[in-house]
Each structure stands twice: as structure tokens, then as C-alpha cells.
Amino acid sequence: MTEPLDVAKLQRRLAEFATARNWQPYHTPKNLVAALSVEASELVEIFQWLTPEESARVMSDPDTAHRVTDEVADVLAYLLQLCEVLGIDPLAALDAKIDRNERRFPAP
């Protein structure tokens, strides 16, 4: 049985992966944000010319679903690495942002 995944465990795996390849000198906030932007753009590229209806069905095509899944993973990987470098707890940051949005945009 495999252990359940959590953010901290994934961040450790990413850090170990980078350390084993001596990539830490390149994992500056600036570089990680740039890489995050590139990966997000690659995700956008998949959807760029789809109609809203086609985009809703994107996961029904195995090849496209695989590309989307890989790009989502790349975006998340760089975001988690950025959070690690900057000392941001991504789940706490999201929780706080949802709280602020609930106050800013109250439900009718």
C-alpha cells in the first residue's frame, strides 16, 4: 500500500529531485516564476482554439487528456517549488484567499 500524497511530501520529492541533479542554484524565485508562466502557457495552448463545448470535453480524448494532465503537473510542480523557496504554505495561502474572497463577494 502506498502512502497518501500531501503537499509537504511532494515538495520534499521535488527538492530531492533538484538536489540530486544540482539544480538548486537555478531554482531562484525569478526562475521558478518564469518556468511556472511557461508551463501555464503550455496548458493554455492546449485550450487556445477550442470552443467552450470542446474544452469541456478535453479529457475524453486520451492523447489530449495526457497532455493536459502533464501540463497541470508541471504547473503544480513549479508552484510548489516556488512556495518552498519563498516559505509559503500553499494550502494556508489558499484558505486565507478564499476567506478574503468570501468577504469581498458575499453570496446573495
N, C-alpha and C. Protein backbone atom coordinates (compact mmCIF):
# COMPACT_ATOMS: atom_id res chain seq x y z
N MET A 1 0.84 -1.18 0.00
CA MET A 1 0.00 0.00 0.00
C MET A 1 0.89 1.25 0.00
N THR A 2 0.58 2.20 -0.86
CA THR A 2 1.37 3.42 -0.91
C THR A 2 0.83 4.44 0.07
N GLU A 3 1.74 5.31 0.53
CA GLU A 3 1.34 6.36 1.46
C GLU A 3 0.52 7.41 0.72
N PRO A 4 -0.44 8.03 1.42
CA PRO A 4 -1.20 9.10 0.76
C PRO A 4 -0.29 10.29 0.46
N LEU A 5 -0.60 10.98 -0.62
CA LEU A 5 0.19 12.15 -1.01
C LEU A 5 -0.25 13.36 -0.21
N ASP A 6 0.70 14.23 0.08
CA ASP A 6 0.37 15.52 0.65
C ASP A 6 1.35 16.54 0.09
N VAL A 7 1.05 17.81 0.28
CA VAL A 7 1.85 18.87 -0.30
C VAL A 7 3.29 18.80 0.19
N ALA A 8 3.49 18.65 1.49
CA ALA A 8 4.86 18.62 2.03
C ALA A 8 5.67 17.47 1.44
N LYS A 9 5.05 16.32 1.29
CA LYS A 9 5.76 15.16 0.74
C LYS A 9 6.15 15.41 -0.72
N LEU A 10 5.25 16.01 -1.48
CA LEU A 10 5.56 16.33 -2.87
C LEU A 10 6.66 17.38 -2.95
N GLN A 11 6.62 18.37 -2.06
CA GLN A 11 7.68 19.37 -2.06
C GLN A 11 9.03 18.74 -1.73
N ARG A 12 9.06 17.80 -0.80
CA ARG A 12 10.31 17.09 -0.48
C ARG A 12 10.82 16.31 -1.69
N ARG A 13 9.92 15.63 -2.37
CA ARG A 13 10.33 14.86 -3.56
C ARG A 13 10.90 15.78 -4.64
N LEU A 14 10.26 16.92 -4.85
CA LEU A 14 10.75 17.88 -5.83
C LEU A 14 12.13 18.41 -5.43
N ALA A 15 12.30 18.71 -4.14
CA ALA A 15 13.59 19.21 -3.64
C ALA A 15 14.67 18.14 -3.80
N GLU A 16 14.35 16.90 -3.47
CA GLU A 16 15.31 15.81 -3.61
C GLU A 16 15.69 15.60 -5.07
N PHE A 17 14.72 15.70 -5.96
CA PHE A 17 14.96 15.57 -7.40
C PHE A 17 15.93 16.65 -7.87
N ALA A 18 15.69 17.89 -7.45
CA ALA A 18 16.55 19.01 -7.85
C ALA A 18 17.95 18.87 -7.24
N THR A 19 18.01 18.47 -5.98
CA THR A 19 19.30 18.31 -5.29
C THR A 19 20.14 17.24 -5.98
N ALA A 20 19.53 16.13 -6.34
CA ALA A 20 20.26 15.03 -6.98
C ALA A 20 20.87 15.46 -8.31
N ARG A 21 20.32 16.50 -8.92
CA ARG A 21 20.80 16.98 -10.22
C ARG A 21 21.55 18.31 -10.10
N ASN A 22 21.74 18.76 -8.86
CA ASN A 22 22.40 20.03 -8.58
C ASN A 22 21.71 21.21 -9.28
N TRP A 23 20.39 21.21 -9.24
CA TRP A 23 19.61 22.27 -9.89
C TRP A 23 19.24 23.40 -8.94
N GLN A 24 19.50 23.25 -7.63
CA GLN A 24 19.07 24.27 -6.67
C GLN A 24 19.56 25.68 -7.02
N PRO A 25 20.79 25.84 -7.54
CA PRO A 25 21.22 27.21 -7.86
C PRO A 25 20.31 27.90 -8.88
N TYR A 26 19.62 27.12 -9.68
CA TYR A 26 18.74 27.68 -10.71
C TYR A 26 17.32 27.91 -10.20
N HIS A 27 17.01 27.37 -9.04
CA HIS A 27 15.65 27.46 -8.51
C HIS A 27 15.47 28.71 -7.66
N THR A 28 15.74 29.84 -8.29
CA THR A 28 15.51 31.13 -7.65
C THR A 28 14.04 31.49 -7.84
N PRO A 29 13.51 32.38 -7.01
CA PRO A 29 12.12 32.79 -7.23
C PRO A 29 11.87 33.28 -8.65
N LYS A 30 12.77 34.09 -9.19
CA LYS A 30 12.60 34.61 -10.55
C LYS A 30 12.52 33.49 -11.57
N ASN A 31 13.43 32.54 -11.50
CA ASN A 31 13.43 31.44 -12.46
C ASN A 31 12.22 30.54 -12.30
N LEU A 32 11.81 30.30 -11.06
CA LEU A 32 10.65 29.43 -10.83
C LEU A 32 9.37 30.10 -11.33
N VAL A 33 9.24 31.41 -11.13
CA VAL A 33 8.06 32.12 -11.64
C VAL A 33 8.05 32.10 -13.17
N ALA A 34 9.22 32.28 -13.79
CA ALA A 34 9.29 32.22 -15.24
C ALA A 34 8.89 30.83 -15.75
N ALA A 35 9.42 29.80 -15.11
CA ALA A 35 9.08 28.43 -15.52
C ALA A 35 7.60 28.15 -15.31
N LEU A 36 7.05 28.65 -14.21
CA LEU A 36 5.61 28.49 -13.94
C LEU A 36 4.79 29.14 -15.04
N SER A 37 5.19 30.32 -15.46
CA SER A 37 4.49 31.03 -16.53
C SER A 37 4.55 30.25 -17.84
N VAL A 38 5.71 29.71 -18.16
CA VAL A 38 5.87 28.93 -19.39
C VAL A 38 4.97 27.70 -19.36
N GLU A 39 4.97 26.99 -18.24
CA GLU A 39 4.14 25.79 -18.14
C GLU A 39 2.65 26.13 -18.18
N ALA A 40 2.26 27.21 -17.54
CA ALA A 40 0.86 27.64 -17.62
C ALA A 40 0.49 27.99 -19.05
N SER A 41 1.41 28.61 -19.77
CA SER A 41 1.17 28.94 -21.18
C SER A 41 1.03 27.68 -22.03
N GLU A 42 1.81 26.65 -21.71
CA GLU A 42 1.67 25.39 -22.44
C GLU A 42 0.31 24.76 -22.18
N LEU A 43 -0.22 24.93 -20.99
CA LEU A 43 -1.57 24.45 -20.69
C LEU A 43 -2.60 25.27 -21.46
N VAL A 44 -2.43 26.58 -21.49
CA VAL A 44 -3.33 27.45 -22.25
C VAL A 44 -3.34 27.06 -23.72
N GLU A 45 -2.16 26.73 -24.25
CA GLU A 45 -2.03 26.39 -25.66
C GLU A 45 -2.95 25.23 -26.06
N ILE A 46 -3.12 24.28 -25.19
CA ILE A 46 -3.98 23.13 -25.47
C ILE A 46 -5.42 23.58 -25.69
N PHE A 47 -5.85 24.57 -24.93
CA PHE A 47 -7.24 25.02 -24.96
C PHE A 47 -7.48 26.21 -25.89
N GLN A 48 -6.42 26.82 -26.38
CA GLN A 48 -6.48 28.11 -27.05
C GLN A 48 -7.58 28.24 -28.10
N TRP A 49 -7.71 27.32 -28.99
CA TRP A 49 -8.66 27.47 -30.09
C TRP A 49 -9.88 26.56 -29.96
N LEU A 50 -10.08 25.97 -28.80
CA LEU A 50 -11.25 25.12 -28.59
C LEU A 50 -12.47 25.98 -28.29
N THR A 51 -13.61 25.50 -28.70
CA THR A 51 -14.85 26.16 -28.29
C THR A 51 -15.09 25.82 -26.82
N PRO A 52 -15.98 26.54 -26.16
CA PRO A 52 -16.29 26.18 -24.78
C PRO A 52 -16.75 24.72 -24.65
N GLU A 53 -17.52 24.27 -25.62
CA GLU A 53 -18.01 22.89 -25.58
C GLU A 53 -16.87 21.89 -25.74
N GLU A 54 -15.96 22.17 -26.68
CA GLU A 54 -14.81 21.29 -26.87
C GLU A 54 -13.92 21.27 -25.63
N SER A 55 -13.75 22.43 -25.02
CA SER A 55 -12.89 22.47 -23.83
C SER A 55 -13.48 21.66 -22.68
N ALA A 56 -14.81 21.61 -22.61
CA ALA A 56 -15.46 20.82 -21.55
C ALA A 56 -15.26 19.32 -21.77
N ARG A 57 -14.97 18.92 -23.00
CA ARG A 57 -14.78 17.50 -23.32
C ARG A 57 -13.31 17.13 -23.52
N VAL A 58 -12.40 18.01 -23.16
CA VAL A 58 -10.99 17.81 -23.47
C VAL A 58 -10.42 16.52 -22.88
N MET A 59 -10.93 16.09 -21.75
CA MET A 59 -10.39 14.89 -21.11
C MET A 59 -10.94 13.60 -21.72
N SER A 60 -11.87 13.71 -22.66
CA SER A 60 -12.42 12.50 -23.28
C SER A 60 -11.49 11.92 -24.37
N ASP A 61 -10.56 12.71 -24.85
CA ASP A 61 -9.57 12.23 -25.81
C ASP A 61 -8.32 11.82 -25.03
N PRO A 62 -7.93 10.56 -25.07
CA PRO A 62 -6.80 10.10 -24.25
C PRO A 62 -5.49 10.87 -24.49
N ASP A 63 -5.17 11.17 -25.74
CA ASP A 63 -3.93 11.89 -26.01
C ASP A 63 -3.96 13.30 -25.43
N THR A 64 -5.06 14.00 -25.64
CA THR A 64 -5.19 15.35 -25.12
C THR A 64 -5.25 15.32 -23.59
N ALA A 65 -5.97 14.35 -23.04
CA ALA A 65 -6.06 14.23 -21.58
C ALA A 65 -4.68 14.04 -20.98
N HIS A 66 -3.85 13.26 -21.62
CA HIS A 66 -2.48 13.03 -21.14
C HIS A 66 -1.68 14.34 -21.17
N ARG A 67 -1.82 15.10 -22.25
CA ARG A 67 -1.11 16.39 -22.34
C ARG A 67 -1.58 17.36 -21.27
N VAL A 68 -2.90 17.44 -21.07
CA VAL A 68 -3.45 18.33 -20.04
C VAL A 68 -2.93 17.92 -18.67
N THR A 69 -2.98 16.64 -18.38
CA THR A 69 -2.53 16.14 -17.08
C THR A 69 -1.06 16.46 -16.85
N ASP A 70 -0.24 16.26 -17.87
CA ASP A 70 1.19 16.56 -17.74
C ASP A 70 1.43 18.05 -17.50
N GLU A 71 0.72 18.90 -18.22
CA GLU A 71 0.92 20.35 -18.03
C GLU A 71 0.41 20.81 -16.67
N VAL A 72 -0.69 20.25 -16.21
CA VAL A 72 -1.17 20.57 -14.86
C VAL A 72 -0.11 20.17 -13.83
N ALA A 73 0.48 19.00 -14.02
CA ALA A 73 1.53 18.54 -13.10
C ALA A 73 2.74 19.48 -13.14
N ASP A 74 3.12 19.94 -14.33
CA ASP A 74 4.25 20.86 -14.44
C ASP A 74 3.95 22.19 -13.73
N VAL A 75 2.75 22.72 -13.94
CA VAL A 75 2.35 23.97 -13.28
C VAL A 75 2.40 23.79 -11.76
N LEU A 76 1.82 22.71 -11.27
CA LEU A 76 1.80 22.46 -9.83
C LEU A 76 3.21 22.27 -9.28
N ALA A 77 4.06 21.57 -10.02
CA ALA A 77 5.43 21.34 -9.56
C ALA A 77 6.16 22.66 -9.37
N TYR A 78 6.08 23.54 -10.35
CA TYR A 78 6.78 24.82 -10.22
C TYR A 78 6.15 25.70 -9.15
N LEU A 79 4.84 25.65 -9.01
CA LEU A 79 4.19 26.43 -7.96
C LEU A 79 4.61 25.93 -6.58
N LEU A 80 4.65 24.62 -6.39
CA LEU A 80 5.08 24.08 -5.10
C LEU A 80 6.54 24.39 -4.81
N GLN A 81 7.38 24.35 -5.84
CA GLN A 81 8.78 24.70 -5.63
C GLN A 81 8.93 26.18 -5.27
N LEU A 82 8.16 27.03 -5.91
CA LEU A 82 8.18 28.46 -5.59
C LEU A 82 7.75 28.69 -4.15
N CYS A 83 6.68 28.03 -3.74
CA CYS A 83 6.22 28.16 -2.37
C CYS A 83 7.28 27.70 -1.38
N GLU A 84 7.96 26.62 -1.69
CA GLU A 84 9.01 26.11 -0.81
C GLU A 84 10.15 27.12 -0.68
N VAL A 85 10.59 27.67 -1.80
CA VAL A 85 11.69 28.63 -1.79
C VAL A 85 11.31 29.90 -1.03
N LEU A 86 10.05 30.34 -1.16
CA LEU A 86 9.61 31.58 -0.52
C LEU A 86 9.05 31.38 0.88
N GLY A 87 8.92 30.12 1.31
CA GLY A 87 8.38 29.85 2.64
C GLY A 87 6.88 30.09 2.75
N ILE A 88 6.16 29.84 1.67
CA ILE A 88 4.71 29.99 1.65
C ILE A 88 4.06 28.63 1.82
N ASP A 89 3.11 28.53 2.74
CA ASP A 89 2.30 27.33 2.86
C ASP A 89 1.16 27.49 1.85
N PRO A 90 1.19 26.74 0.73
CA PRO A 90 0.19 26.97 -0.32
C PRO A 90 -1.24 26.70 0.12
N LEU A 91 -1.44 25.70 0.99
CA LEU A 91 -2.80 25.41 1.44
C LEU A 91 -3.31 26.51 2.37
N ALA A 92 -2.46 27.01 3.26
CA ALA A 92 -2.85 28.12 4.13
C ALA A 92 -3.10 29.38 3.32
N ALA A 93 -2.27 29.61 2.30
CA ALA A 93 -2.46 30.79 1.44
C ALA A 93 -3.79 30.72 0.72
N LEU A 94 -4.13 29.55 0.20
CA LEU A 94 -5.40 29.38 -0.50
C LEU A 94 -6.57 29.53 0.46
N ASP A 95 -6.46 28.94 1.63
CA ASP A 95 -7.53 29.04 2.63
C ASP A 95 -7.79 30.51 2.99
N ALA A 96 -6.71 31.27 3.21
CA ALA A 96 -6.84 32.69 3.54
C ALA A 96 -7.44 33.48 2.38
N LYS A 97 -7.05 33.13 1.15
CA LYS A 97 -7.58 33.82 -0.02
C LYS A 97 -9.07 33.55 -0.19
N ILE A 98 -9.49 32.32 0.04
CA ILE A 98 -10.93 32.00 -0.03
C ILE A 98 -11.69 32.80 1.02
N ASP A 99 -11.13 32.90 2.23
CA ASP A 99 -11.77 33.71 3.28
C ASP A 99 -11.95 35.15 2.81
N ARG A 100 -10.88 35.74 2.24
CA ARG A 100 -10.97 37.12 1.75
C ARG A 100 -12.00 37.25 0.64
N ASN A 101 -12.02 36.29 -0.28
CA ASN A 101 -12.98 36.35 -1.38
C ASN A 101 -14.42 36.21 -0.89
N GLU A 102 -14.63 35.39 0.14
CA GLU A 102 -15.98 35.26 0.70
C GLU A 102 -16.45 36.58 1.29
N ARG A 103 -15.54 37.34 1.90
CA ARG A 103 -15.91 38.65 2.43
C ARG A 103 -16.11 39.67 1.30
N ARG A 104 -15.25 39.61 0.29
CA ARG A 104 -15.34 40.55 -0.84
C ARG A 104 -16.57 40.30 -1.70
N PHE A 105 -16.92 39.05 -1.88
CA PHE A 105 -18.01 38.67 -2.78
C PHE A 105 -19.02 37.81 -2.03
N PRO A 106 -19.78 38.42 -1.13
CA PRO A 106 -20.74 37.61 -0.36
C PRO A 106 -21.81 37.00 -1.27
N ALA A 107 -22.22 35.81 -0.88
CA ALA A 107 -23.28 35.13 -1.65
C ALA A 107 -24.59 35.92 -1.48
N PRO A 108 -25.39 35.95 -2.54
CA PRO A 108 -26.65 36.70 -2.45
C PRO A 108 -27.61 36.08 -1.44
